[in-house]
C-alpha atoms as a PDB file:
ATOM      1  CA  MET A   1      -0.227   0.639 114.440  1.00  0.00           C
ATOM      2  CA  ASN A   2      -2.987   3.118 113.643  1.00  0.00           C
ATOM      3  CA  ILE A   3      -1.980   6.690 112.884  1.00  0.00           C
ATOM      4  CA  ILE A   4      -3.482  10.006 111.807  1.00  0.00           C
ATOM      5  CA  ILE A   5      -1.606  12.486 109.623  1.00  0.00           C
ATOM      6  CA  VAL A   6      -2.320  16.212 109.893  1.00  0.00           C
ATOM      7  CA  ASP A   7      -0.689  18.698 107.508  1.00  0.00           C
ATOM      8  CA  ASP A   8      -2.208  21.653 105.691  1.00  0.00           C
ATOM      9  CA  ASP A   9      -0.391  20.659 102.492  1.00  0.00           C
ATOM     10  CA  LYS A  10      -2.680  18.077 100.894  1.00  0.00           C
ATOM     11  CA  LEU A  11       0.127  16.765  98.699  1.00  0.00           C
ATOM     12  CA  VAL A  12       2.249  16.096 101.783  1.00  0.00           C
ATOM     13  CA  CYS A  13      -0.660  14.256 103.414  1.00  0.00           C
ATOM     14  CA  MET A  14      -1.236  12.131 100.337  1.00  0.00           C
ATOM     15  CA  SER A  15       2.463  11.350  99.924  1.00  0.00           C
ATOM     16  CA  LEU A  16       2.933  10.421 103.571  1.00  0.00           C
ATOM     17  CA  ARG A  17      -0.178   8.260 103.496  1.00  0.00           C
ATOM     18  CA  THR A  18       1.117   6.371 100.450  1.00  0.00           C
ATOM     19  CA  ILE A  19       4.621   5.953 101.881  1.00  0.00           C
ATOM     20  CA  LEU A  20       3.539   4.869 105.352  1.00  0.00           C
ATOM     21  CA  GLN A  21       0.774   2.491 104.308  1.00  0.00           C
ATOM     22  CA  ALA A  22       3.343   0.637 102.231  1.00  0.00           C
ATOM     23  CA  GLU A  23       5.050  -0.218 105.523  1.00  0.00           C
ATOM     24  CA  GLU A  24       3.981  -3.436 107.185  1.00  0.00           C
ATOM     25  CA  GLY A  25       1.964  -2.829 110.327  1.00  0.00           C
ATOM     26  CA  ILE A  26       1.062   0.829 109.689  1.00  0.00           C
ATOM     27  CA  THR A  27      -2.517   1.915 108.941  1.00  0.00           C
ATOM     28  CA  VAL A  28      -3.435   5.539 108.249  1.00  0.00           C
ATOM     29  CA  LEU A  29      -6.912   6.026 109.720  1.00  0.00           C
ATOM     30  CA  ALA A  30      -7.469   9.595 108.519  1.00  0.00           C
ATOM     31  CA  THR A  31      -5.769  12.803 107.419  1.00  0.00           C
ATOM     32  CA  GLY A  32      -6.473  16.411 108.336  1.00  0.00           C
ATOM     33  CA  GLY A  33      -5.293  19.885 107.526  1.00  0.00           C
ATOM     34  CA  SER A  34      -5.438  22.061 110.657  1.00  0.00           C
ATOM     35  CA  GLY A  35      -4.958  22.110 114.411  1.00  0.00           C
ATOM     36  CA  PRO A  36      -8.677  22.047 115.266  1.00  0.00           C
ATOM     37  CA  GLU A  37      -9.154  19.180 112.827  1.00  0.00           C
ATOM     38  CA  ALA A  38      -6.345  17.293 114.555  1.00  0.00           C
ATOM     39  CA  VAL A  39      -8.164  17.628 117.885  1.00  0.00           C
ATOM     40  CA  ARG A  40     -11.436  16.450 116.347  1.00  0.00           C
ATOM     41  CA  LEU A  41      -9.834  13.518 114.547  1.00  0.00           C
ATOM     42  CA  TYR A  42      -7.942  12.421 117.631  1.00  0.00           C
ATOM     43  CA  ASP A  43     -11.128  12.412 119.705  1.00  0.00           C
ATOM     44  CA  GLU A  44     -12.936  10.458 116.987  1.00  0.00           C
ATOM     45  CA  TYR A  45     -10.312   7.836 116.138  1.00  0.00           C
ATOM     46  CA  ARG A  46      -8.002   7.662 119.187  1.00  0.00           C
ATOM     47  CA  PRO A  47      -5.003   6.661 117.037  1.00  0.00           C
ATOM     48  CA  ASP A  48      -1.861   5.062 118.376  1.00  0.00           C
ATOM     49  CA  ILE A  49       0.133   8.038 117.043  1.00  0.00           C
ATOM     50  CA  LEU A  50      -0.742  11.486 115.718  1.00  0.00           C
ATOM     51  CA  LEU A  51       1.803  12.655 113.121  1.00  0.00           C
ATOM     52  CA  MET A  52       1.388  16.398 112.746  1.00  0.00           C
ATOM     53  CA  ASP A  53       2.894  19.531 111.196  1.00  0.00           C
ATOM     54  CA  ILE A  54       3.463  22.612 113.344  1.00  0.00           C
ATOM     55  CA  GLN A  55       2.713  25.659 111.210  1.00  0.00           C
ATOM     56  CA  MET A  56      -0.700  25.239 109.594  1.00  0.00           C
ATOM     57  CA  GLY A  57      -3.354  27.620 108.375  1.00  0.00           C
ATOM     58  CA  GLY A  58      -6.406  27.448 110.588  1.00  0.00           C
ATOM     59  CA  GLY A  59      -4.623  26.439 113.762  1.00  0.00           C
ATOM     60  CA  SER A  60      -1.149  25.628 115.097  1.00  0.00           C
ATOM     61  CA  GLY A  61      -0.073  22.034 115.506  1.00  0.00           C
ATOM     62  CA  LEU A  62       1.556  22.948 118.813  1.00  0.00           C
ATOM     63  CA  ASP A  63      -1.718  24.368 120.144  1.00  0.00           C
ATOM     64  CA  ALA A  64      -3.540  21.252 118.975  1.00  0.00           C
ATOM     65  CA  GLY A  65      -0.940  18.965 120.507  1.00  0.00           C
ATOM     66  CA  GLU A  66      -1.185  20.768 123.824  1.00  0.00           C
ATOM     67  CA  GLU A  67      -4.983  20.503 123.809  1.00  0.00           C
ATOM     68  CA  ILE A  68      -4.900  16.809 122.916  1.00  0.00           C
ATOM     69  CA  LEU A  69      -2.351  16.017 125.625  1.00  0.00           C
ATOM     70  CA  LYS A  70      -4.415  17.863 128.213  1.00  0.00           C
ATOM     71  CA  ARG A  71      -7.440  15.730 127.298  1.00  0.00           C
ATOM     72  CA  HIS A  72      -5.488  12.530 126.720  1.00  0.00           C
ATOM     73  CA  PRO A  73      -2.155  12.491 128.633  1.00  0.00           C
ATOM     74  CA  GLU A  74      -1.356   9.074 127.142  1.00  0.00           C
ATOM     75  CA  ALA A  75      -1.496  10.425 123.564  1.00  0.00           C
ATOM     76  CA  ARG A  76       1.542   9.941 121.370  1.00  0.00           C
ATOM     77  CA  VAL A  77       2.079  13.133 119.374  1.00  0.00           C
ATOM     78  CA  LEU A  78       4.954  13.213 116.895  1.00  0.00           C
ATOM     79  CA  PHE A  79       5.742  16.476 115.122  1.00  0.00           C
ATOM     80  CA  LEU A  80       6.977  16.469 111.542  1.00  0.00           C
ATOM     81  CA  THR A  81       7.940  19.915 110.279  1.00  0.00           C
ATOM     82  CA  THR A  82      10.268  21.894 108.038  1.00  0.00           C
ATOM     83  CA  PHE A  83      11.002  24.280 110.923  1.00  0.00           C
ATOM     84  CA  SER A  84      13.788  23.670 113.426  1.00  0.00           C
ATOM     85  CA  ASP A  85      13.078  26.922 115.262  1.00  0.00           C
ATOM     86  CA  ASP A  86      14.295  26.850 118.874  1.00  0.00           C
ATOM     87  CA  GLU A  87      10.986  28.085 120.276  1.00  0.00           C
ATOM     88  CA  TYR A  88       9.093  25.347 118.457  1.00  0.00           C
ATOM     89  CA  ILE A  89      11.480  22.708 119.762  1.00  0.00           C
ATOM     90  CA  LEU A  90      11.223  23.986 123.326  1.00  0.00           C
ATOM     91  CA  ARG A  91       7.437  24.069 123.253  1.00  0.00           C
ATOM     92  CA  ALA A  92       7.198  20.640 121.646  1.00  0.00           C
ATOM     93  CA  LEU A  93       9.376  19.261 124.431  1.00  0.00           C
ATOM     94  CA  GLY A  94       7.459  21.195 127.055  1.00  0.00           C
ATOM     95  CA  ILE A  95       4.001  19.911 126.145  1.00  0.00           C
ATOM     96  CA  GLY A  96       5.189  16.304 126.212  1.00  0.00           C
ATOM     97  CA  SER A  97       5.376  15.353 122.549  1.00  0.00           C
ATOM     98  CA  ARG A  98       6.989  12.029 121.654  1.00  0.00           C
ATOM     99  CA  GLY A  99       9.249  13.493 119.010  1.00  0.00           C
ATOM    100  CA  TYR A 100      10.284  16.236 116.637  1.00  0.00           C
ATOM    101  CA  LEU A 101      11.401  15.305 113.139  1.00  0.00           C
ATOM    102  CA  ILE A 102      12.391  17.368 110.115  1.00  0.00           C
ATOM    103  CA  LYS A 103      10.406  16.686 106.922  1.00  0.00           C
ATOM    104  CA  GLN A 104      13.438  16.447 104.693  1.00  0.00           C
ATOM    105  CA  ASP A 105      14.395  13.130 106.284  1.00  0.00           C
ATOM    106  CA  ILE A 106      11.437  11.131 104.934  1.00  0.00           C
ATOM    107  CA  ALA A 107      13.189   7.776 105.335  1.00  0.00           C
ATOM    108  CA  SER A 108      13.311   8.206 109.110  1.00  0.00           C
ATOM    109  CA  ILE A 109       9.555   8.607 109.595  1.00  0.00           C
ATOM    110  CA  ALA A 110       8.406   4.966 109.561  1.00  0.00           C
ATOM    111  CA  PRO A 111      11.233   3.796 111.871  1.00  0.00           C
ATOM    112  CA  ALA A 112      10.474   6.740 114.152  1.00  0.00           C
ATOM    113  CA  LEU A 113       6.792   5.762 114.355  1.00  0.00           C
ATOM    114  CA  LYS A 114       7.754   2.228 115.309  1.00  0.00           C
ATOM    115  CA  ALA A 115      10.166   3.553 117.938  1.00  0.00           C
ATOM    116  CA  VAL A 116       7.447   5.758 119.443  1.00  0.00           C
ATOM    117  CA  MET A 117       5.091   2.754 119.574  1.00  0.00           C
ATOM    118  CA  SER A 118       7.745   0.840 121.520  1.00  0.00           C
ATOM    119  CA  GLY A 119       7.856   3.587 124.144  1.00  0.00           C
ATOM    120  CA  GLN A 120      10.748   5.686 122.914  1.00  0.00           C
ATOM    121  CA  SER A 121      10.832   9.394 122.167  1.00  0.00           C
ATOM    122  CA  VAL A 122      12.519  10.311 118.910  1.00  0.00           C
ATOM    123  CA  PHE A 123      14.175  13.612 118.103  1.00  0.00           C
ATOM    124  CA  GLY A 124      16.296  14.355 115.069  1.00  0.00           C
ATOM    125  CA  ASN A 125      20.028  14.611 115.622  1.00  0.00           C
ATOM    126  CA  GLU A 126      19.817  18.324 114.841  1.00  0.00           C
ATOM    127  CA  VAL A 127      17.544  18.730 117.854  1.00  0.00           C
ATOM    128  CA  THR A 128      19.486  16.586 120.346  1.00  0.00           C
ATOM    129  CA  THR A 129      22.784  18.305 119.555  1.00  0.00           C
ATOM    130  CA  ARG A 130      21.193  21.672 120.309  1.00  0.00           C
ATOM    131  CA  LEU A 131      19.730  20.688 123.665  1.00  0.00           C
ATOM    132  CA  PRO A 132      22.615  22.016 125.818  1.00  0.00           C
ATOM    133  CA  GLU A 133      22.336  25.450 124.216  1.00  0.00           C
ATOM    134  CA  LEU A 134      18.555  25.438 124.613  1.00  0.00           C
ATOM    135  CA  MET A 135      18.902  24.534 128.284  1.00  0.00           C
ATOM    136  CA  LYS A 136      20.851  27.729 128.955  1.00  0.00           C
ATOM    137  CA  ARG A 137      17.793  29.759 127.981  1.00  0.00           C
ATOM    138  CA  GLU A 138      15.321  27.917 130.179  1.00  0.00           C
ATOM    139  CA  LYS A 139      14.546  28.203 133.877  1.00  0.00           C
ATOM    140  CA  GLY A 140      14.242  24.431 134.048  1.00  0.00           C
ATOM    141  CA  ALA A 141      12.631  22.135 136.576  1.00  0.00           C
ATOM    142  CA  ASP A 142      11.874  22.849 140.221  1.00  0.00           C
ATOM    143  CA  LEU A 143      13.947  20.146 141.906  1.00  0.00           C
ATOM    144  CA  SER A 144      12.674  20.809 145.426  1.00  0.00           C
ATOM    145  CA  GLY A 145      10.279  17.849 145.315  1.00  0.00           C
ATOM    146  CA  TYR A 146      12.982  15.285 144.586  1.00  0.00           C
ATOM    147  CA  SER A 147      15.018  13.347 147.132  1.00  0.00           C
ATOM    148  CA  MET A 148      18.305  14.917 146.123  1.00  0.00           C
ATOM    149  CA  GLY A 149      20.838  16.870 148.098  1.00  0.00           C
ATOM    150  CA  GLU A 150      21.735  20.429 147.167  1.00  0.00           C
ATOM    151  CA  ARG A 151      24.953  19.332 145.454  1.00  0.00           C
ATOM    152  CA  GLU A 152      23.035  16.806 143.353  1.00  0.00           C
ATOM    153  CA  LYS A 153      20.516  19.488 142.352  1.00  0.00           C
ATOM    154  CA  GLU A 154      23.321  21.842 141.384  1.00  0.00           C
ATOM    155  CA  LEU A 155      24.904  19.069 139.316  1.00  0.00           C
ATOM    156  CA  VAL A 156      21.612  18.585 137.423  1.00  0.00           C
ATOM    157  CA  ARG A 157      21.504  22.292 136.593  1.00  0.00           C
ATOM    158  CA  LEU A 158      25.109  22.289 135.394  1.00  0.00           C
ATOM    159  CA  VAL A 159      24.605  19.168 133.272  1.00  0.00           C
ATOM    160  CA  ALA A 160      21.575  20.846 131.707  1.00  0.00           C
ATOM    161  CA  LYS A 161      23.788  23.789 130.765  1.00  0.00           C
ATOM    162  CA  GLY A 162      26.046  21.431 128.824  1.00  0.00           C
ATOM    163  CA  LEU A 163      29.056  21.444 131.151  1.00  0.00           C
ATOM    164  CA  SER A 164      31.487  18.520 131.078  1.00  0.00           C
ATOM    165  CA  ASN A 165      32.477  16.569 134.205  1.00  0.00           C
ATOM    166  CA  ARG A 166      35.716  18.554 134.385  1.00  0.00           C
ATOM    167  CA  GLU A 167      33.864  21.875 134.139  1.00  0.00           C
ATOM    168  CA  ILE A 168      31.348  20.743 136.756  1.00  0.00           C
ATOM    169  CA  ALA A 169      34.175  19.636 139.038  1.00  0.00           C
ATOM    170  CA  ASP A 170      35.811  23.051 138.746  1.00  0.00           C
ATOM    171  CA  ALA A 171      32.524  24.885 139.313  1.00  0.00           C
ATOM    172  CA  MET A 172      31.623  22.806 142.380  1.00  0.00           C
ATOM    173  CA  CYS A 173      35.188  22.445 143.750  1.00  0.00           C
ATOM    174  CA  LEU A 174      34.997  18.676 143.550  1.00  0.00           C
ATOM    175  CA  SER A 175      37.078  15.947 141.932  1.00  0.00           C
ATOM    176  CA  GLU A 176      35.938  14.465 138.619  1.00  0.00           C
ATOM    177  CA  GLY A 177      35.493  11.133 140.365  1.00  0.00           C
ATOM    178  CA  THR A 178      33.093  12.686 142.860  1.00  0.00           C
ATOM    179  CA  VAL A 179      31.164  14.343 140.040  1.00  0.00           C
ATOM    180  CA  ARG A 180      30.834  10.980 138.282  1.00  0.00           C
ATOM    181  CA  ASN A 181      29.539   9.435 141.512  1.00  0.00           C
ATOM    182  CA  TYR A 182      26.986  12.221 141.971  1.00  0.00           C
ATOM    183  CA  LEU A 183      25.894  11.881 138.352  1.00  0.00           C
ATOM    184  CA  SER A 184      25.446   8.111 138.662  1.00  0.00           C
ATOM    185  CA  ALA A 185      23.428   8.560 141.853  1.00  0.00           C
ATOM    186  CA  VAL A 186      21.159  11.199 140.267  1.00  0.00           C
ATOM    187  CA  LEU A 187      20.528   9.107 137.156  1.00  0.00           C
ATOM    188  CA  GLU A 188      19.669   6.103 139.310  1.00  0.00           C
ATOM    189  CA  LYS A 189      17.272   8.115 141.498  1.00  0.00           C
ATOM    190  CA  LEU A 190      15.462   9.508 138.479  1.00  0.00           C
ATOM    191  CA  GLY A 191      15.522   6.303 136.441  1.00  0.00           C
ATOM    192  CA  LEU A 192      17.358   7.980 133.556  1.00  0.00           C
ATOM    193  CA  ARG A 193      20.111   6.630 131.317  1.00  0.00           C
ATOM    194  CA  ASP A 194      22.448   9.482 130.508  1.00  0.00           C
ATOM    195  CA  ARG A 195      23.244  13.199 130.473  1.00  0.00           C
ATOM    196  CA  THR A 196      20.963  13.975 127.543  1.00  0.00           C
ATOM    197  CA  GLN A 197      17.974  12.374 129.271  1.00  0.00           C
ATOM    198  CA  LEU A 198      18.848  14.376 132.378  1.00  0.00           C
ATOM    199  CA  ALA A 199      18.942  17.607 130.369  1.00  0.00           C
ATOM    200  CA  VAL A 200      15.552  16.847 128.788  1.00  0.00           C
ATOM    201  CA  PHE A 201      14.147  15.993 132.227  1.00  0.00           C
ATOM    202  CA  TYR A 202      15.248  19.420 133.478  1.00  0.00           C
ATOM    203  CA  LEU A 203      13.841  21.226 130.446  1.00  0.00           C
ATOM    204  CA  ARG A 204      10.509  19.412 130.676  1.00  0.00           C
ATOM    205  CA  GLY A 205       9.951  20.565 134.222  1.00  0.00           C
ATOM    206  CA  GLY A 206      10.846  17.306 135.912  1.00  0.00           C
ATOM    207  CA  LYS A 207       8.919  14.779 133.805  1.00  0.00           C
ATOM    208  CA  CYS A 208      10.972  11.610 134.066  1.00  0.00           C
ATOM    209  CA  GLU A 209       8.892   9.477 131.722  1.00  0.00           C
ATOM    210  CA  ASP A 210       9.108  11.985 128.881  1.00  0.00           C
ATOM    211  CA  ALA A 211      12.841  12.381 129.416  1.00  0.00           C
ATOM    212  CA  ARG A 212      13.701   8.727 128.879  1.00  0.00           C
ATOM    213  CA  LEU A 213      15.301   9.004 125.473  1.00  0.00           C
ATOM    214  CA  ASP A 214      17.490   6.142 124.323  1.00  0.00           C
ATOM    215  CA  ILE A 215      19.888   8.349 122.345  1.00  0.00           C
ATOM    216  CA  GLN A 216      21.893   5.522 120.812  1.00  0.00           C
ATOM    217  CA  LYS A 217      18.737   3.836 119.512  1.00  0.00           C
ATOM    218  CA  ASN A 218      17.448   7.210 118.433  1.00  0.00           C
ATOM    219  CA  LYS A 219      20.532   7.850 116.278  1.00  0.00           C
ATOM    220  CA  LYS A 220      20.338   4.363 114.808  1.00  0.00           C
ATOM    221  CA  ILE A 221      16.665   4.834 113.937  1.00  0.00           C
ATOM    222  CA  LEU A 222      17.307   8.135 112.197  1.00  0.00           C
ATOM    223  CA  GLU A 223      20.340   6.867 110.305  1.00  0.00           C
ATOM    224  CA  GLU A 224      18.810   3.628 109.009  1.00  0.00           C
END
């Protein structure tokens, strides 16, 4: 696995390089210190994963990530930051990043990189537990292009708001059993596993691939 590290703190770059290169199968191709440098390095090296800070002097990591993903939609961008600001999280999700980790949890970084290489998206537990609240602030996906009935679309919106099956049943004047059936049908149509994936799908504007988070594996990765 070839990666690039971008952080405007040179000590952080050096430390991460030392820690990650000690892991079997991880090679750090280059390091950088700004958003524009991240774009340049990605174009030059085409790494498997770009591990990048968000707030950097000389150019935002979020701006760089968005630019890279526009040029290279297949790029795997993983953010590593000290900031768990809601707006940062929402934008990171919105541009299609593969993860959002907090720097304090250094031990989770190598397992997270390996998870991203295997096709997973990895978000810290602090982020996933806040998703329902974040959903309430977002307009969410336009569901008109999906083969779902109006009740199924309404269920998606209510799930994204963090409502339980009982609360959804009350809101839609249905039984809990019917709600479960609708939920199962929606997840099957979209190829998603669970409610959290469905919420991320809605937040990301209807991007199924980016919403496929294996939450149980994600928690295991971050706790190991």
